[in-house]
Amino acid sequence: MDKKITYKLTVRLFTEEKCFGPGVAMLLHQVQELHSLRAAAASLSMAYSKAWTILKNAERLMNCKLLHSTTGGRNGGGAALTEEAVALLAAYDEFCRELSAYGEQIFEEKFAYFIDKL
């Protein structure tokens, strides 16, 4: 059986408390794709009320509105990311990609002996 040493980086942003991380990012990506907070929550097996709470807390702590939403009715409701949310999500995603690439480089450098040994 081959063993492999690995690591995991997770990026979370904080103000007074945790305000943005992988969960909020996944939720926003799903809203972007599905144009609905309810559908986004369902796609992540999350209660709508939990998704709503997560976004409202992130908005409060980041001091910016993340979603434009319309209620249902004849034409149905929907949700779209605000410009600030699009910019925040893009910055978060890029930061995670760059950090991951740099982390991989440092990991291989610092743990080469253990990577090769296993």
N, C-alpha and C. Protein backbone atom coordinates (compact mmCIF):
# COMPACT_ATOMS: atom_id res chain seq x y z
N MET A 1 0.85 -1.18 0.00
CA MET A 1 0.00 0.00 0.00
C MET A 1 0.89 1.24 0.00
N ASP A 2 0.68 2.10 -0.98
CA ASP A 2 1.45 3.34 -1.07
C ASP A 2 0.87 4.39 -0.13
N LYS A 3 1.76 5.04 0.58
CA LYS A 3 1.37 6.15 1.44
C LYS A 3 1.72 7.44 0.72
N LYS A 4 0.98 8.46 1.03
CA LYS A 4 1.25 9.76 0.42
C LYS A 4 1.02 10.84 1.46
N ILE A 5 1.96 11.74 1.56
CA ILE A 5 1.82 12.85 2.48
C ILE A 5 1.20 14.02 1.69
N THR A 6 0.20 14.64 2.29
CA THR A 6 -0.49 15.74 1.64
C THR A 6 -0.72 16.86 2.65
N TYR A 7 -1.30 17.93 2.19
CA TYR A 7 -1.67 19.06 3.05
C TYR A 7 -2.95 19.66 2.50
N LYS A 8 -3.54 20.54 3.27
CA LYS A 8 -4.74 21.22 2.82
C LYS A 8 -4.71 22.66 3.30
N LEU A 9 -4.88 23.57 2.37
CA LEU A 9 -5.00 24.99 2.70
C LEU A 9 -6.47 25.38 2.56
N THR A 10 -6.97 26.11 3.51
CA THR A 10 -8.32 26.64 3.43
C THR A 10 -8.26 28.12 3.75
N VAL A 11 -8.84 28.93 2.90
CA VAL A 11 -8.80 30.38 3.09
C VAL A 11 -10.12 30.86 3.67
N ARG A 12 -10.02 31.55 4.79
CA ARG A 12 -11.17 32.18 5.42
C ARG A 12 -10.80 33.63 5.70
N LEU A 13 -11.71 34.53 5.40
CA LEU A 13 -11.50 35.95 5.66
C LEU A 13 -12.21 36.32 6.95
N PHE A 14 -11.60 37.22 7.71
CA PHE A 14 -12.14 37.62 9.00
C PHE A 14 -12.23 39.13 9.10
N THR A 15 -13.25 39.61 9.76
CA THR A 15 -13.31 40.98 10.28
C THR A 15 -13.30 40.78 11.79
N GLU A 16 -14.40 41.10 12.48
CA GLU A 16 -14.48 40.77 13.91
C GLU A 16 -14.60 39.26 14.09
N GLU A 17 -15.16 38.60 13.11
CA GLU A 17 -15.34 37.15 13.11
C GLU A 17 -15.23 36.65 11.67
N LYS A 18 -15.30 35.34 11.50
CA LYS A 18 -15.20 34.78 10.15
C LYS A 18 -16.34 35.34 9.31
N CYS A 19 -16.01 35.87 8.13
CA CYS A 19 -17.05 36.48 7.31
C CYS A 19 -17.12 35.92 5.90
N PHE A 20 -16.08 35.25 5.43
CA PHE A 20 -16.09 34.73 4.06
C PHE A 20 -15.12 33.57 3.96
N GLY A 21 -15.56 32.52 3.31
CA GLY A 21 -14.71 31.36 3.15
C GLY A 21 -15.24 30.46 2.06
N PRO A 22 -14.79 29.21 2.05
CA PRO A 22 -15.18 28.29 0.98
C PRO A 22 -16.70 28.08 0.86
N GLY A 23 -17.39 28.04 1.98
CA GLY A 23 -18.83 27.83 1.95
C GLY A 23 -19.58 28.97 1.29
N VAL A 24 -19.24 30.20 1.67
CA VAL A 24 -19.88 31.37 1.07
C VAL A 24 -19.52 31.44 -0.41
N ALA A 25 -18.27 31.15 -0.73
CA ALA A 25 -17.84 31.18 -2.14
C ALA A 25 -18.61 30.16 -2.97
N MET A 26 -18.75 28.94 -2.46
CA MET A 26 -19.51 27.91 -3.20
C MET A 26 -20.96 28.35 -3.40
N LEU A 27 -21.55 28.92 -2.36
CA LEU A 27 -22.93 29.38 -2.44
C LEU A 27 -23.07 30.47 -3.49
N LEU A 28 -22.16 31.43 -3.50
CA LEU A 28 -22.21 32.51 -4.49
C LEU A 28 -21.99 31.97 -5.91
N HIS A 29 -21.08 31.03 -6.07
CA HIS A 29 -20.88 30.43 -7.40
C HIS A 29 -22.17 29.76 -7.88
N GLN A 30 -22.85 29.07 -6.98
CA GLN A 30 -24.10 28.40 -7.36
C GLN A 30 -25.20 29.40 -7.69
N VAL A 31 -25.28 30.49 -6.94
CA VAL A 31 -26.26 31.54 -7.26
C VAL A 31 -25.95 32.12 -8.63
N GLN A 32 -24.68 32.33 -8.91
CA GLN A 32 -24.25 32.85 -10.21
C GLN A 32 -24.70 31.92 -11.34
N GLU A 33 -24.60 30.64 -11.10
CA GLU A 33 -24.96 29.65 -12.12
C GLU A 33 -26.47 29.44 -12.22
N LEU A 34 -27.15 29.38 -11.08
CA LEU A 34 -28.56 28.99 -11.06
C LEU A 34 -29.54 30.17 -10.96
N HIS A 35 -29.03 31.35 -10.66
CA HIS A 35 -29.83 32.57 -10.57
C HIS A 35 -30.93 32.48 -9.51
N SER A 36 -30.65 31.74 -8.45
CA SER A 36 -31.62 31.58 -7.39
C SER A 36 -30.90 31.14 -6.12
N LEU A 37 -31.17 31.83 -5.02
CA LEU A 37 -30.59 31.42 -3.75
C LEU A 37 -31.17 30.08 -3.30
N ARG A 38 -32.48 29.90 -3.50
CA ARG A 38 -33.13 28.65 -3.11
C ARG A 38 -32.54 27.47 -3.89
N ALA A 39 -32.38 27.62 -5.19
CA ALA A 39 -31.80 26.55 -6.02
C ALA A 39 -30.34 26.31 -5.66
N ALA A 40 -29.60 27.39 -5.37
CA ALA A 40 -28.19 27.26 -4.98
C ALA A 40 -28.09 26.47 -3.68
N ALA A 41 -28.93 26.82 -2.72
CA ALA A 41 -28.92 26.10 -1.43
C ALA A 41 -29.25 24.63 -1.65
N ALA A 42 -30.27 24.35 -2.43
CA ALA A 42 -30.67 22.97 -2.69
C ALA A 42 -29.55 22.19 -3.37
N SER A 43 -28.84 22.82 -4.30
CA SER A 43 -27.75 22.13 -5.00
C SER A 43 -26.60 21.77 -4.07
N LEU A 44 -26.52 22.47 -2.94
CA LEU A 44 -25.48 22.19 -1.95
C LEU A 44 -26.03 21.41 -0.75
N SER A 45 -27.26 20.90 -0.89
CA SER A 45 -27.94 20.17 0.18
C SER A 45 -27.99 21.00 1.47
N MET A 46 -28.32 22.27 1.29
CA MET A 46 -28.36 23.21 2.40
C MET A 46 -29.77 23.78 2.50
N ALA A 47 -30.25 23.98 3.69
CA ALA A 47 -31.55 24.61 3.88
C ALA A 47 -31.49 26.05 3.37
N TYR A 48 -32.56 26.49 2.77
CA TYR A 48 -32.64 27.87 2.27
C TYR A 48 -32.38 28.86 3.41
N SER A 49 -32.96 28.58 4.57
CA SER A 49 -32.79 29.50 5.71
C SER A 49 -31.33 29.60 6.12
N LYS A 50 -30.60 28.50 6.04
CA LYS A 50 -29.16 28.53 6.37
C LYS A 50 -28.40 29.34 5.33
N ALA A 51 -28.71 29.15 4.05
CA ALA A 51 -28.05 29.91 2.99
C ALA A 51 -28.32 31.40 3.16
N TRP A 52 -29.55 31.74 3.46
CA TRP A 52 -29.93 33.14 3.66
C TRP A 52 -29.15 33.72 4.83
N THR A 53 -29.06 32.98 5.94
CA THR A 53 -28.33 33.44 7.12
C THR A 53 -26.85 33.62 6.83
N ILE A 54 -26.26 32.67 6.13
CA ILE A 54 -24.84 32.76 5.77
C ILE A 54 -24.57 34.02 4.96
N LEU A 55 -25.42 34.27 3.96
CA LEU A 55 -25.20 35.46 3.12
C LEU A 55 -25.45 36.75 3.88
N LYS A 56 -26.48 36.80 4.70
CA LYS A 56 -26.76 38.01 5.48
C LYS A 56 -25.62 38.31 6.45
N ASN A 57 -25.06 37.27 7.08
CA ASN A 57 -23.91 37.47 7.99
C ASN A 57 -22.69 37.96 7.21
N ALA A 58 -22.44 37.38 6.05
CA ALA A 58 -21.31 37.82 5.23
C ALA A 58 -21.50 39.28 4.80
N GLU A 59 -22.72 39.64 4.39
CA GLU A 59 -22.99 41.02 4.00
C GLU A 59 -22.76 41.98 5.16
N ARG A 60 -23.23 41.60 6.33
CA ARG A 60 -23.08 42.46 7.52
C ARG A 60 -21.60 42.64 7.87
N LEU A 61 -20.87 41.55 7.89
CA LEU A 61 -19.47 41.61 8.30
C LEU A 61 -18.56 42.23 7.24
N MET A 62 -18.89 42.04 5.96
CA MET A 62 -18.09 42.61 4.87
C MET A 62 -18.56 44.04 4.54
N ASN A 63 -19.67 44.43 5.12
CA ASN A 63 -20.24 45.76 4.91
C ASN A 63 -20.53 46.03 3.43
N CYS A 64 -21.09 45.03 2.75
CA CYS A 64 -21.49 45.22 1.36
C CYS A 64 -22.60 44.23 1.02
N LYS A 65 -23.44 44.63 0.11
CA LYS A 65 -24.53 43.76 -0.34
C LYS A 65 -23.97 42.78 -1.37
N LEU A 66 -24.33 41.51 -1.23
CA LEU A 66 -23.81 40.48 -2.11
C LEU A 66 -24.82 40.00 -3.15
N LEU A 67 -26.11 40.12 -2.84
CA LEU A 67 -27.14 39.63 -3.76
C LEU A 67 -28.19 40.69 -4.05
N HIS A 68 -28.62 40.71 -5.32
CA HIS A 68 -29.84 41.39 -5.72
C HIS A 68 -30.85 40.27 -5.87
N SER A 69 -32.00 40.39 -5.23
CA SER A 69 -32.98 39.33 -5.39
C SER A 69 -34.36 39.93 -5.65
N THR A 70 -35.15 39.16 -6.38
CA THR A 70 -36.54 39.54 -6.63
C THR A 70 -37.40 38.40 -6.14
N THR A 71 -38.56 38.76 -5.59
CA THR A 71 -39.47 37.74 -5.09
C THR A 71 -40.23 37.10 -6.23
N GLY A 72 -40.82 35.97 -5.96
CA GLY A 72 -41.57 35.23 -6.98
C GLY A 72 -42.78 36.00 -7.45
N GLY A 73 -43.60 35.34 -8.19
CA GLY A 73 -44.78 35.97 -8.77
C GLY A 73 -44.97 35.45 -10.17
N ARG A 74 -45.60 36.24 -10.99
CA ARG A 74 -45.90 35.82 -12.37
C ARG A 74 -44.66 35.39 -13.14
N ASN A 75 -43.59 36.16 -13.04
CA ASN A 75 -42.36 35.85 -13.77
C ASN A 75 -41.35 35.08 -12.92
N GLY A 76 -41.73 34.73 -11.72
CA GLY A 76 -40.82 34.02 -10.83
C GLY A 76 -39.81 34.97 -10.21
N GLY A 77 -39.15 34.49 -9.20
CA GLY A 77 -38.13 35.30 -8.54
C GLY A 77 -36.77 34.95 -9.05
N GLY A 78 -35.78 35.47 -8.41
CA GLY A 78 -34.42 35.15 -8.81
C GLY A 78 -33.42 35.93 -8.01
N ALA A 79 -32.18 35.63 -8.24
CA ALA A 79 -31.10 36.31 -7.53
C ALA A 79 -29.91 36.45 -8.47
N ALA A 80 -29.18 37.51 -8.27
CA ALA A 80 -27.95 37.76 -9.03
C ALA A 80 -26.94 38.38 -8.08
N LEU A 81 -25.68 38.15 -8.35
CA LEU A 81 -24.62 38.74 -7.53
C LEU A 81 -24.51 40.22 -7.83
N THR A 82 -24.22 41.00 -6.80
CA THR A 82 -23.94 42.42 -6.99
C THR A 82 -22.54 42.56 -7.61
N GLU A 83 -22.23 43.74 -8.08
CA GLU A 83 -20.88 43.99 -8.62
C GLU A 83 -19.83 43.73 -7.55
N GLU A 84 -20.12 44.15 -6.32
CA GLU A 84 -19.17 43.92 -5.22
C GLU A 84 -18.96 42.43 -4.97
N ALA A 85 -20.05 41.65 -5.05
CA ALA A 85 -19.94 40.21 -4.84
C ALA A 85 -19.12 39.56 -5.95
N VAL A 86 -19.33 39.99 -7.18
CA VAL A 86 -18.55 39.45 -8.31
C VAL A 86 -17.07 39.75 -8.10
N ALA A 87 -16.76 40.99 -7.69
CA ALA A 87 -15.37 41.38 -7.46
C ALA A 87 -14.77 40.61 -6.28
N LEU A 88 -15.53 40.48 -5.21
CA LEU A 88 -15.06 39.75 -4.02
C LEU A 88 -14.80 38.29 -4.36
N LEU A 89 -15.72 37.67 -5.07
CA LEU A 89 -15.59 36.27 -5.44
C LEU A 89 -14.40 36.05 -6.36
N ALA A 90 -14.21 36.95 -7.31
CA ALA A 90 -13.06 36.85 -8.23
C ALA A 90 -11.75 37.00 -7.46
N ALA A 91 -11.70 37.96 -6.54
CA ALA A 91 -10.48 38.17 -5.74
C ALA A 91 -10.21 36.95 -4.85
N TYR A 92 -11.24 36.42 -4.24
CA TYR A 92 -11.11 35.25 -3.38
C TYR A 92 -10.60 34.05 -4.18
N ASP A 93 -11.23 33.80 -5.33
CA ASP A 93 -10.83 32.67 -6.16
C ASP A 93 -9.39 32.80 -6.64
N GLU A 94 -9.01 33.99 -7.06
CA GLU A 94 -7.64 34.21 -7.55
C GLU A 94 -6.63 34.06 -6.40
N PHE A 95 -6.97 34.61 -5.24
CA PHE A 95 -6.11 34.48 -4.07
C PHE A 95 -5.90 33.01 -3.72
N CYS A 96 -6.99 32.23 -3.73
CA CYS A 96 -6.91 30.80 -3.43
C CYS A 96 -6.06 30.07 -4.45
N ARG A 97 -6.22 30.40 -5.74
CA ARG A 97 -5.41 29.75 -6.78
C ARG A 97 -3.93 30.07 -6.60
N GLU A 98 -3.60 31.34 -6.37
CA GLU A 98 -2.20 31.74 -6.21
C GLU A 98 -1.61 31.14 -4.94
N LEU A 99 -2.36 31.15 -3.87
CA LEU A 99 -1.89 30.59 -2.61
C LEU A 99 -1.66 29.08 -2.75
N SER A 100 -2.56 28.42 -3.45
CA SER A 100 -2.43 26.98 -3.67
C SER A 100 -1.17 26.66 -4.48
N ALA A 101 -0.93 27.44 -5.53
CA ALA A 101 0.26 27.21 -6.35
C ALA A 101 1.53 27.45 -5.53
N TYR A 102 1.55 28.52 -4.76
CA TYR A 102 2.71 28.82 -3.93
C TYR A 102 2.84 27.77 -2.82
N GLY A 103 1.72 27.37 -2.24
CA GLY A 103 1.74 26.35 -1.20
C GLY A 103 2.31 25.04 -1.71
N GLU A 104 1.95 24.66 -2.94
CA GLU A 104 2.46 23.42 -3.53
C GLU A 104 3.98 23.50 -3.69
N GLN A 105 4.46 24.65 -4.13
CA GLN A 105 5.90 24.86 -4.31
C GLN A 105 6.63 24.74 -2.97
N ILE A 106 6.12 25.41 -1.96
CA ILE A 106 6.76 25.37 -0.64
C ILE A 106 6.66 23.97 -0.03
N PHE A 107 5.52 23.33 -0.18
CA PHE A 107 5.32 21.98 0.35
C PHE A 107 6.36 21.03 -0.23
N GLU A 108 6.53 21.06 -1.55
CA GLU A 108 7.51 20.17 -2.18
C GLU A 108 8.93 20.47 -1.72
N GLU A 109 9.20 21.75 -1.51
CA GLU A 109 10.53 22.16 -1.05
C GLU A 109 10.77 21.73 0.40
N LYS A 110 9.85 21.98 1.28
CA LYS A 110 10.04 21.72 2.70
C LYS A 110 9.87 20.26 3.10
N PHE A 111 9.06 19.53 2.36
CA PHE A 111 8.76 18.15 2.73
C PHE A 111 9.28 17.14 1.71
N ALA A 112 10.22 17.54 0.87
CA ALA A 112 10.75 16.65 -0.18
C ALA A 112 11.23 15.33 0.40
N TYR A 113 11.94 15.38 1.50
CA TYR A 113 12.47 14.15 2.11
C TYR A 113 11.33 13.18 2.44
N PHE A 114 10.25 13.70 3.02
CA PHE A 114 9.14 12.84 3.44
C PHE A 114 8.30 12.38 2.25
N ILE A 115 8.19 13.25 1.24
CA ILE A 115 7.46 12.86 0.02
C ILE A 115 8.18 11.71 -0.65
N ASP A 116 9.51 11.81 -0.76
CA ASP A 116 10.31 10.77 -1.42
C ASP A 116 10.38 9.50 -0.56
N LYS A 117 10.37 9.67 0.74
CA LYS A 117 10.51 8.53 1.64
C LYS A 117 9.28 7.64 1.64
N LEU A 118 8.13 8.21 1.50
CA LEU A 118 6.90 7.43 1.53
C LEU A 118 6.69 6.85 0.16
